[in-house]
Amino acid sequence: SPGQFNFTLLDAILDAADTAGLRVMLGTPTATMPSWLPSLHPDVMTRGPDSPEGYSGLTPGFGGRRLYSFNSKTYRYYALRIVDKLAERYGQRPTVKFWQIDNEIGHEGS
């Protein structure tokens, strides 16, 4: 839910990786937004060029990746917020060797 961050599982995974001597690439959760975000802020959803309401007048439903609009200030706010929280918590942790900020640009029609 908005404003709540629970890193318990990720902490445990990184602790286990550290114990095993592994280094990890940590991906930001920005390619797939949480289900509560478009429910509270429909403006985060992508829109097609043919209609301000969406593809042929339809807004794509939640469930896939890349359904966010880069033009949405709301999406950018929440994306930056989670990335900031992750960086604050794990940015200096030696187990985290790399950060993956995106992948598969253009995937699923984005």
N, C-alpha and C. Protein backbone atom coordinates (compact mmCIF):
# COMPACT_ATOMS: atom_id res chain seq x y z
N SER A 1 0.83 -1.19 0.00
CA SER A 1 0.00 0.00 0.00
C SER A 1 0.87 1.25 0.00
N PRO A 2 0.29 2.36 -0.38
CA PRO A 2 1.06 3.60 -0.49
C PRO A 2 1.75 3.96 0.83
N GLY A 3 3.01 4.30 0.72
CA GLY A 3 3.76 4.76 1.89
C GLY A 3 4.28 3.67 2.80
N GLN A 4 3.99 2.42 2.48
CA GLN A 4 4.48 1.31 3.31
C GLN A 4 5.53 0.53 2.53
N PHE A 5 6.65 0.32 3.16
CA PHE A 5 7.75 -0.40 2.53
C PHE A 5 8.16 -1.53 3.46
N ASN A 6 8.11 -2.75 2.97
CA ASN A 6 8.49 -3.91 3.75
C ASN A 6 9.62 -4.62 3.02
N PHE A 7 10.81 -4.51 3.57
CA PHE A 7 11.99 -5.08 2.93
C PHE A 7 12.44 -6.39 3.59
N THR A 8 11.59 -6.99 4.41
CA THR A 8 11.96 -8.18 5.16
C THR A 8 12.45 -9.31 4.26
N LEU A 9 11.71 -9.64 3.22
CA LEU A 9 12.09 -10.73 2.33
C LEU A 9 13.37 -10.40 1.57
N LEU A 10 13.47 -9.19 1.06
CA LEU A 10 14.67 -8.80 0.31
C LEU A 10 15.88 -8.77 1.23
N ASP A 11 15.72 -8.32 2.47
CA ASP A 11 16.82 -8.37 3.44
C ASP A 11 17.31 -9.80 3.62
N ALA A 12 16.38 -10.74 3.78
CA ALA A 12 16.74 -12.14 4.00
C ALA A 12 17.46 -12.72 2.78
N ILE A 13 17.00 -12.38 1.59
CA ILE A 13 17.64 -12.86 0.37
C ILE A 13 19.06 -12.32 0.26
N LEU A 14 19.23 -11.04 0.52
CA LEU A 14 20.56 -10.45 0.43
C LEU A 14 21.48 -10.97 1.53
N ASP A 15 20.93 -11.23 2.71
CA ASP A 15 21.73 -11.84 3.79
C ASP A 15 22.23 -13.21 3.36
N ALA A 16 21.34 -14.01 2.76
CA ALA A 16 21.73 -15.35 2.30
C ALA A 16 22.78 -15.27 1.20
N ALA A 17 22.61 -14.32 0.28
CA ALA A 17 23.60 -14.14 -0.79
C ALA A 17 24.95 -13.74 -0.20
N ASP A 18 24.92 -12.86 0.78
CA ASP A 18 26.16 -12.42 1.42
C ASP A 18 26.85 -13.59 2.13
N THR A 19 26.08 -14.38 2.85
CA THR A 19 26.62 -15.54 3.56
C THR A 19 27.26 -16.52 2.58
N ALA A 20 26.67 -16.67 1.40
CA ALA A 20 27.19 -17.57 0.38
C ALA A 20 28.33 -16.95 -0.42
N GLY A 21 28.65 -15.69 -0.15
CA GLY A 21 29.72 -15.02 -0.88
C GLY A 21 29.31 -14.56 -2.27
N LEU A 22 28.03 -14.45 -2.49
CA LEU A 22 27.53 -14.02 -3.80
C LEU A 22 27.38 -12.51 -3.86
N ARG A 23 27.43 -12.00 -5.07
CA ARG A 23 27.11 -10.61 -5.32
C ARG A 23 25.91 -10.61 -6.25
N VAL A 24 25.05 -9.64 -6.11
CA VAL A 24 23.79 -9.66 -6.86
C VAL A 24 23.57 -8.38 -7.65
N MET A 25 22.71 -8.52 -8.65
CA MET A 25 22.19 -7.37 -9.38
C MET A 25 20.78 -7.15 -8.85
N LEU A 26 20.53 -5.98 -8.34
CA LEU A 26 19.22 -5.66 -7.78
C LEU A 26 18.43 -4.85 -8.79
N GLY A 27 17.29 -5.38 -9.17
CA GLY A 27 16.43 -4.69 -10.14
C GLY A 27 15.41 -3.82 -9.44
N THR A 28 15.19 -2.65 -9.97
CA THR A 28 14.16 -1.77 -9.41
C THR A 28 12.80 -2.25 -9.90
N PRO A 29 11.77 -2.14 -9.08
CA PRO A 29 10.44 -2.62 -9.47
C PRO A 29 9.63 -1.57 -10.22
N THR A 30 10.23 -1.02 -11.25
CA THR A 30 9.56 0.08 -11.95
C THR A 30 8.93 -0.34 -13.28
N ALA A 31 9.30 -1.50 -13.82
CA ALA A 31 8.71 -1.94 -15.09
C ALA A 31 7.30 -2.47 -14.88
N THR A 32 7.02 -2.94 -13.68
CA THR A 32 5.67 -3.41 -13.34
C THR A 32 5.26 -2.75 -12.04
N MET A 33 4.31 -1.88 -12.12
CA MET A 33 3.89 -1.15 -10.92
C MET A 33 2.97 -2.02 -10.06
N PRO A 34 2.87 -1.70 -8.78
CA PRO A 34 1.97 -2.47 -7.91
C PRO A 34 0.50 -2.21 -8.29
N SER A 35 -0.34 -3.19 -8.02
CA SER A 35 -1.74 -3.10 -8.45
C SER A 35 -2.50 -1.94 -7.82
N TRP A 36 -2.08 -1.51 -6.63
CA TRP A 36 -2.80 -0.41 -5.98
C TRP A 36 -2.57 0.92 -6.68
N LEU A 37 -1.45 1.05 -7.41
CA LEU A 37 -1.12 2.35 -8.00
C LEU A 37 -2.13 2.79 -9.07
N PRO A 38 -2.42 1.98 -10.10
CA PRO A 38 -3.42 2.45 -11.06
C PRO A 38 -4.83 2.50 -10.48
N SER A 39 -5.08 1.72 -9.43
CA SER A 39 -6.40 1.80 -8.79
C SER A 39 -6.61 3.16 -8.15
N LEU A 40 -5.56 3.67 -7.52
CA LEU A 40 -5.64 4.99 -6.87
C LEU A 40 -5.39 6.14 -7.83
N HIS A 41 -4.58 5.88 -8.85
CA HIS A 41 -4.16 6.94 -9.77
C HIS A 41 -4.25 6.43 -11.22
N PRO A 42 -5.42 6.43 -11.82
CA PRO A 42 -5.57 5.94 -13.20
C PRO A 42 -4.68 6.66 -14.21
N ASP A 43 -4.24 7.87 -13.88
CA ASP A 43 -3.40 8.64 -14.80
C ASP A 43 -2.03 8.01 -15.03
N VAL A 44 -1.65 6.99 -14.26
CA VAL A 44 -0.35 6.36 -14.46
C VAL A 44 -0.37 5.39 -15.63
N MET A 45 -1.56 5.02 -16.11
CA MET A 45 -1.67 4.05 -17.20
C MET A 45 -1.34 4.68 -18.54
N THR A 46 -0.76 3.89 -19.41
CA THR A 46 -0.41 4.35 -20.74
C THR A 46 -1.66 4.65 -21.56
N ARG A 47 -1.50 5.49 -22.54
CA ARG A 47 -2.60 5.84 -23.44
C ARG A 47 -2.10 5.71 -24.87
N GLY A 48 -2.98 5.29 -25.75
CA GLY A 48 -2.63 5.22 -27.16
C GLY A 48 -2.74 6.58 -27.81
N PRO A 49 -2.10 6.75 -28.96
CA PRO A 49 -2.13 8.06 -29.63
C PRO A 49 -3.48 8.40 -30.24
N ASP A 50 -4.37 7.40 -30.36
CA ASP A 50 -5.63 7.64 -31.06
C ASP A 50 -6.72 8.22 -30.17
N SER A 51 -6.52 8.22 -28.87
CA SER A 51 -7.57 8.70 -27.98
C SER A 51 -6.99 9.09 -26.64
N PRO A 52 -7.43 10.20 -26.07
CA PRO A 52 -6.95 10.56 -24.73
C PRO A 52 -7.38 9.56 -23.67
N GLU A 53 -8.42 8.77 -23.98
CA GLU A 53 -8.89 7.77 -23.01
C GLU A 53 -8.13 6.46 -23.11
N GLY A 54 -7.37 6.26 -24.16
CA GLY A 54 -6.62 5.02 -24.31
C GLY A 54 -6.69 4.48 -25.72
N TYR A 55 -6.38 3.21 -25.87
CA TYR A 55 -6.36 2.58 -27.18
C TYR A 55 -7.77 2.46 -27.73
N SER A 56 -8.04 3.16 -28.81
CA SER A 56 -9.38 3.19 -29.42
C SER A 56 -10.45 3.48 -28.39
N GLY A 57 -10.12 4.34 -27.44
CA GLY A 57 -11.07 4.71 -26.41
C GLY A 57 -11.04 3.82 -25.19
N LEU A 58 -10.18 2.81 -25.19
CA LEU A 58 -10.09 1.88 -24.07
C LEU A 58 -8.79 2.10 -23.30
N THR A 59 -8.86 1.96 -22.01
CA THR A 59 -7.66 2.00 -21.19
C THR A 59 -7.21 0.56 -20.99
N PRO A 60 -5.94 0.25 -21.25
CA PRO A 60 -5.49 -1.12 -21.04
C PRO A 60 -5.66 -1.52 -19.58
N GLY A 61 -6.01 -2.77 -19.34
CA GLY A 61 -6.19 -3.24 -17.97
C GLY A 61 -4.87 -3.57 -17.30
N PHE A 62 -4.90 -3.63 -15.99
CA PHE A 62 -3.71 -3.94 -15.23
C PHE A 62 -3.39 -5.43 -15.36
N GLY A 63 -2.10 -5.78 -15.34
CA GLY A 63 -1.74 -7.18 -15.33
C GLY A 63 -0.46 -7.49 -16.08
N GLY A 64 -0.08 -6.68 -17.01
CA GLY A 64 1.15 -6.91 -17.75
C GLY A 64 2.23 -5.94 -17.33
N ARG A 65 3.29 -5.94 -18.08
CA ARG A 65 4.35 -4.98 -17.81
C ARG A 65 4.22 -3.81 -18.77
N ARG A 66 4.90 -2.77 -18.43
CA ARG A 66 4.98 -1.58 -19.29
C ARG A 66 3.63 -0.93 -19.54
N LEU A 67 2.79 -0.94 -18.55
CA LEU A 67 1.48 -0.31 -18.71
C LEU A 67 1.47 1.11 -18.18
N TYR A 68 2.61 1.58 -17.72
CA TYR A 68 2.70 2.93 -17.17
C TYR A 68 2.98 3.94 -18.26
N SER A 69 2.63 5.16 -17.98
CA SER A 69 2.92 6.25 -18.89
C SER A 69 4.12 7.03 -18.37
N PHE A 70 5.15 7.14 -19.21
CA PHE A 70 6.31 7.96 -18.83
C PHE A 70 5.90 9.41 -18.62
N ASN A 71 4.81 9.81 -19.25
CA ASN A 71 4.35 11.19 -19.14
C ASN A 71 3.60 11.48 -17.85
N SER A 72 3.31 10.45 -17.10
CA SER A 72 2.56 10.63 -15.86
C SER A 72 3.48 11.10 -14.74
N LYS A 73 3.23 12.29 -14.25
CA LYS A 73 4.01 12.80 -13.12
C LYS A 73 3.79 11.92 -11.89
N THR A 74 2.60 11.36 -11.77
CA THR A 74 2.29 10.48 -10.64
C THR A 74 3.15 9.22 -10.70
N TYR A 75 3.24 8.60 -11.89
CA TYR A 75 4.09 7.41 -12.04
C TYR A 75 5.54 7.74 -11.70
N ARG A 76 6.03 8.83 -12.23
CA ARG A 76 7.43 9.20 -11.97
C ARG A 76 7.67 9.46 -10.49
N TYR A 77 6.70 10.06 -9.81
CA TYR A 77 6.82 10.30 -8.37
C TYR A 77 6.99 8.98 -7.62
N TYR A 78 6.09 8.03 -7.88
CA TYR A 78 6.14 6.76 -7.16
C TYR A 78 7.36 5.93 -7.56
N ALA A 79 7.75 5.96 -8.83
CA ALA A 79 8.94 5.23 -9.27
C ALA A 79 10.18 5.78 -8.56
N LEU A 80 10.30 7.10 -8.53
CA LEU A 80 11.45 7.71 -7.86
C LEU A 80 11.44 7.40 -6.37
N ARG A 81 10.27 7.38 -5.78
CA ARG A 81 10.17 7.12 -4.35
C ARG A 81 10.67 5.72 -3.99
N ILE A 82 10.27 4.69 -4.73
CA ILE A 82 10.73 3.34 -4.40
C ILE A 82 12.21 3.18 -4.72
N VAL A 83 12.67 3.79 -5.80
CA VAL A 83 14.10 3.71 -6.13
C VAL A 83 14.93 4.40 -5.05
N ASP A 84 14.47 5.54 -4.56
CA ASP A 84 15.17 6.23 -3.46
C ASP A 84 15.22 5.36 -2.22
N LYS A 85 14.11 4.71 -1.88
CA LYS A 85 14.07 3.85 -0.69
C LYS A 85 15.03 2.68 -0.83
N LEU A 86 15.06 2.07 -2.01
CA LEU A 86 15.99 0.96 -2.24
C LEU A 86 17.44 1.43 -2.16
N ALA A 87 17.72 2.58 -2.75
CA ALA A 87 19.09 3.10 -2.72
C ALA A 87 19.52 3.45 -1.30
N GLU A 88 18.61 4.03 -0.52
CA GLU A 88 18.93 4.34 0.88
C GLU A 88 19.26 3.08 1.67
N ARG A 89 18.48 2.04 1.44
CA ARG A 89 18.62 0.81 2.22
C ARG A 89 19.79 -0.05 1.75
N TYR A 90 19.98 -0.16 0.44
CA TYR A 90 20.93 -1.13 -0.09
C TYR A 90 22.09 -0.51 -0.87
N GLY A 91 22.10 0.81 -1.01
CA GLY A 91 23.11 1.46 -1.84
C GLY A 91 24.55 1.24 -1.41
N GLN A 92 24.78 1.09 -0.12
CA GLN A 92 26.15 0.89 0.38
C GLN A 92 26.42 -0.57 0.75
N ARG A 93 25.49 -1.44 0.44
CA ARG A 93 25.64 -2.85 0.81
C ARG A 93 26.54 -3.54 -0.21
N PRO A 94 27.67 -4.13 0.21
CA PRO A 94 28.60 -4.76 -0.73
C PRO A 94 27.99 -5.91 -1.52
N THR A 95 26.97 -6.56 -0.97
CA THR A 95 26.33 -7.66 -1.68
C THR A 95 25.71 -7.19 -2.99
N VAL A 96 25.22 -5.95 -3.02
CA VAL A 96 24.61 -5.39 -4.23
C VAL A 96 25.72 -4.81 -5.09
N LYS A 97 26.06 -5.55 -6.13
CA LYS A 97 27.17 -5.16 -7.00
C LYS A 97 26.70 -4.28 -8.16
N PHE A 98 25.49 -4.55 -8.65
CA PHE A 98 24.95 -3.83 -9.81
C PHE A 98 23.49 -3.48 -9.56
N TRP A 99 23.03 -2.46 -10.25
CA TRP A 99 21.62 -2.06 -10.21
C TRP A 99 21.06 -2.17 -11.62
N GLN A 100 19.93 -2.83 -11.77
CA GLN A 100 19.25 -2.90 -13.06
C GLN A 100 18.07 -1.95 -13.01
N ILE A 101 18.14 -0.91 -13.78
CA ILE A 101 17.08 0.10 -13.73
C ILE A 101 16.01 -0.11 -14.79
N ASP A 102 16.28 -0.97 -15.77
CA ASP A 102 15.28 -1.26 -16.79
C ASP A 102 15.80 -2.40 -17.65
N ASN A 103 14.90 -3.00 -18.41
CA ASN A 103 15.30 -3.98 -19.41
C ASN A 103 14.18 -4.14 -20.42
N GLU A 104 14.50 -4.79 -21.51
CA GLU A 104 13.53 -5.08 -22.56
C GLU A 104 12.75 -3.84 -23.00
N ILE A 105 13.48 -2.79 -23.30
CA ILE A 105 12.84 -1.58 -23.81
C ILE A 105 12.08 -1.94 -25.08
N GLY A 106 10.85 -1.52 -25.16
CA GLY A 106 10.03 -1.82 -26.32
C GLY A 106 9.30 -3.14 -26.24
N HIS A 107 9.43 -3.83 -25.12
CA HIS A 107 8.76 -5.13 -24.95
C HIS A 107 7.27 -4.93 -24.72
N GLU A 108 6.46 -5.86 -25.19
CA GLU A 108 5.01 -5.86 -25.01
C GLU A 108 4.35 -4.56 -25.48
N GLY A 109 4.86 -4.05 -26.58
CA GLY A 109 4.22 -2.89 -27.18
C GLY A 109 4.51 -1.56 -26.51
N SER A 110 5.48 -1.53 -25.61
CA SER A 110 5.76 -0.27 -24.92
C SER A 110 6.47 0.71 -25.83
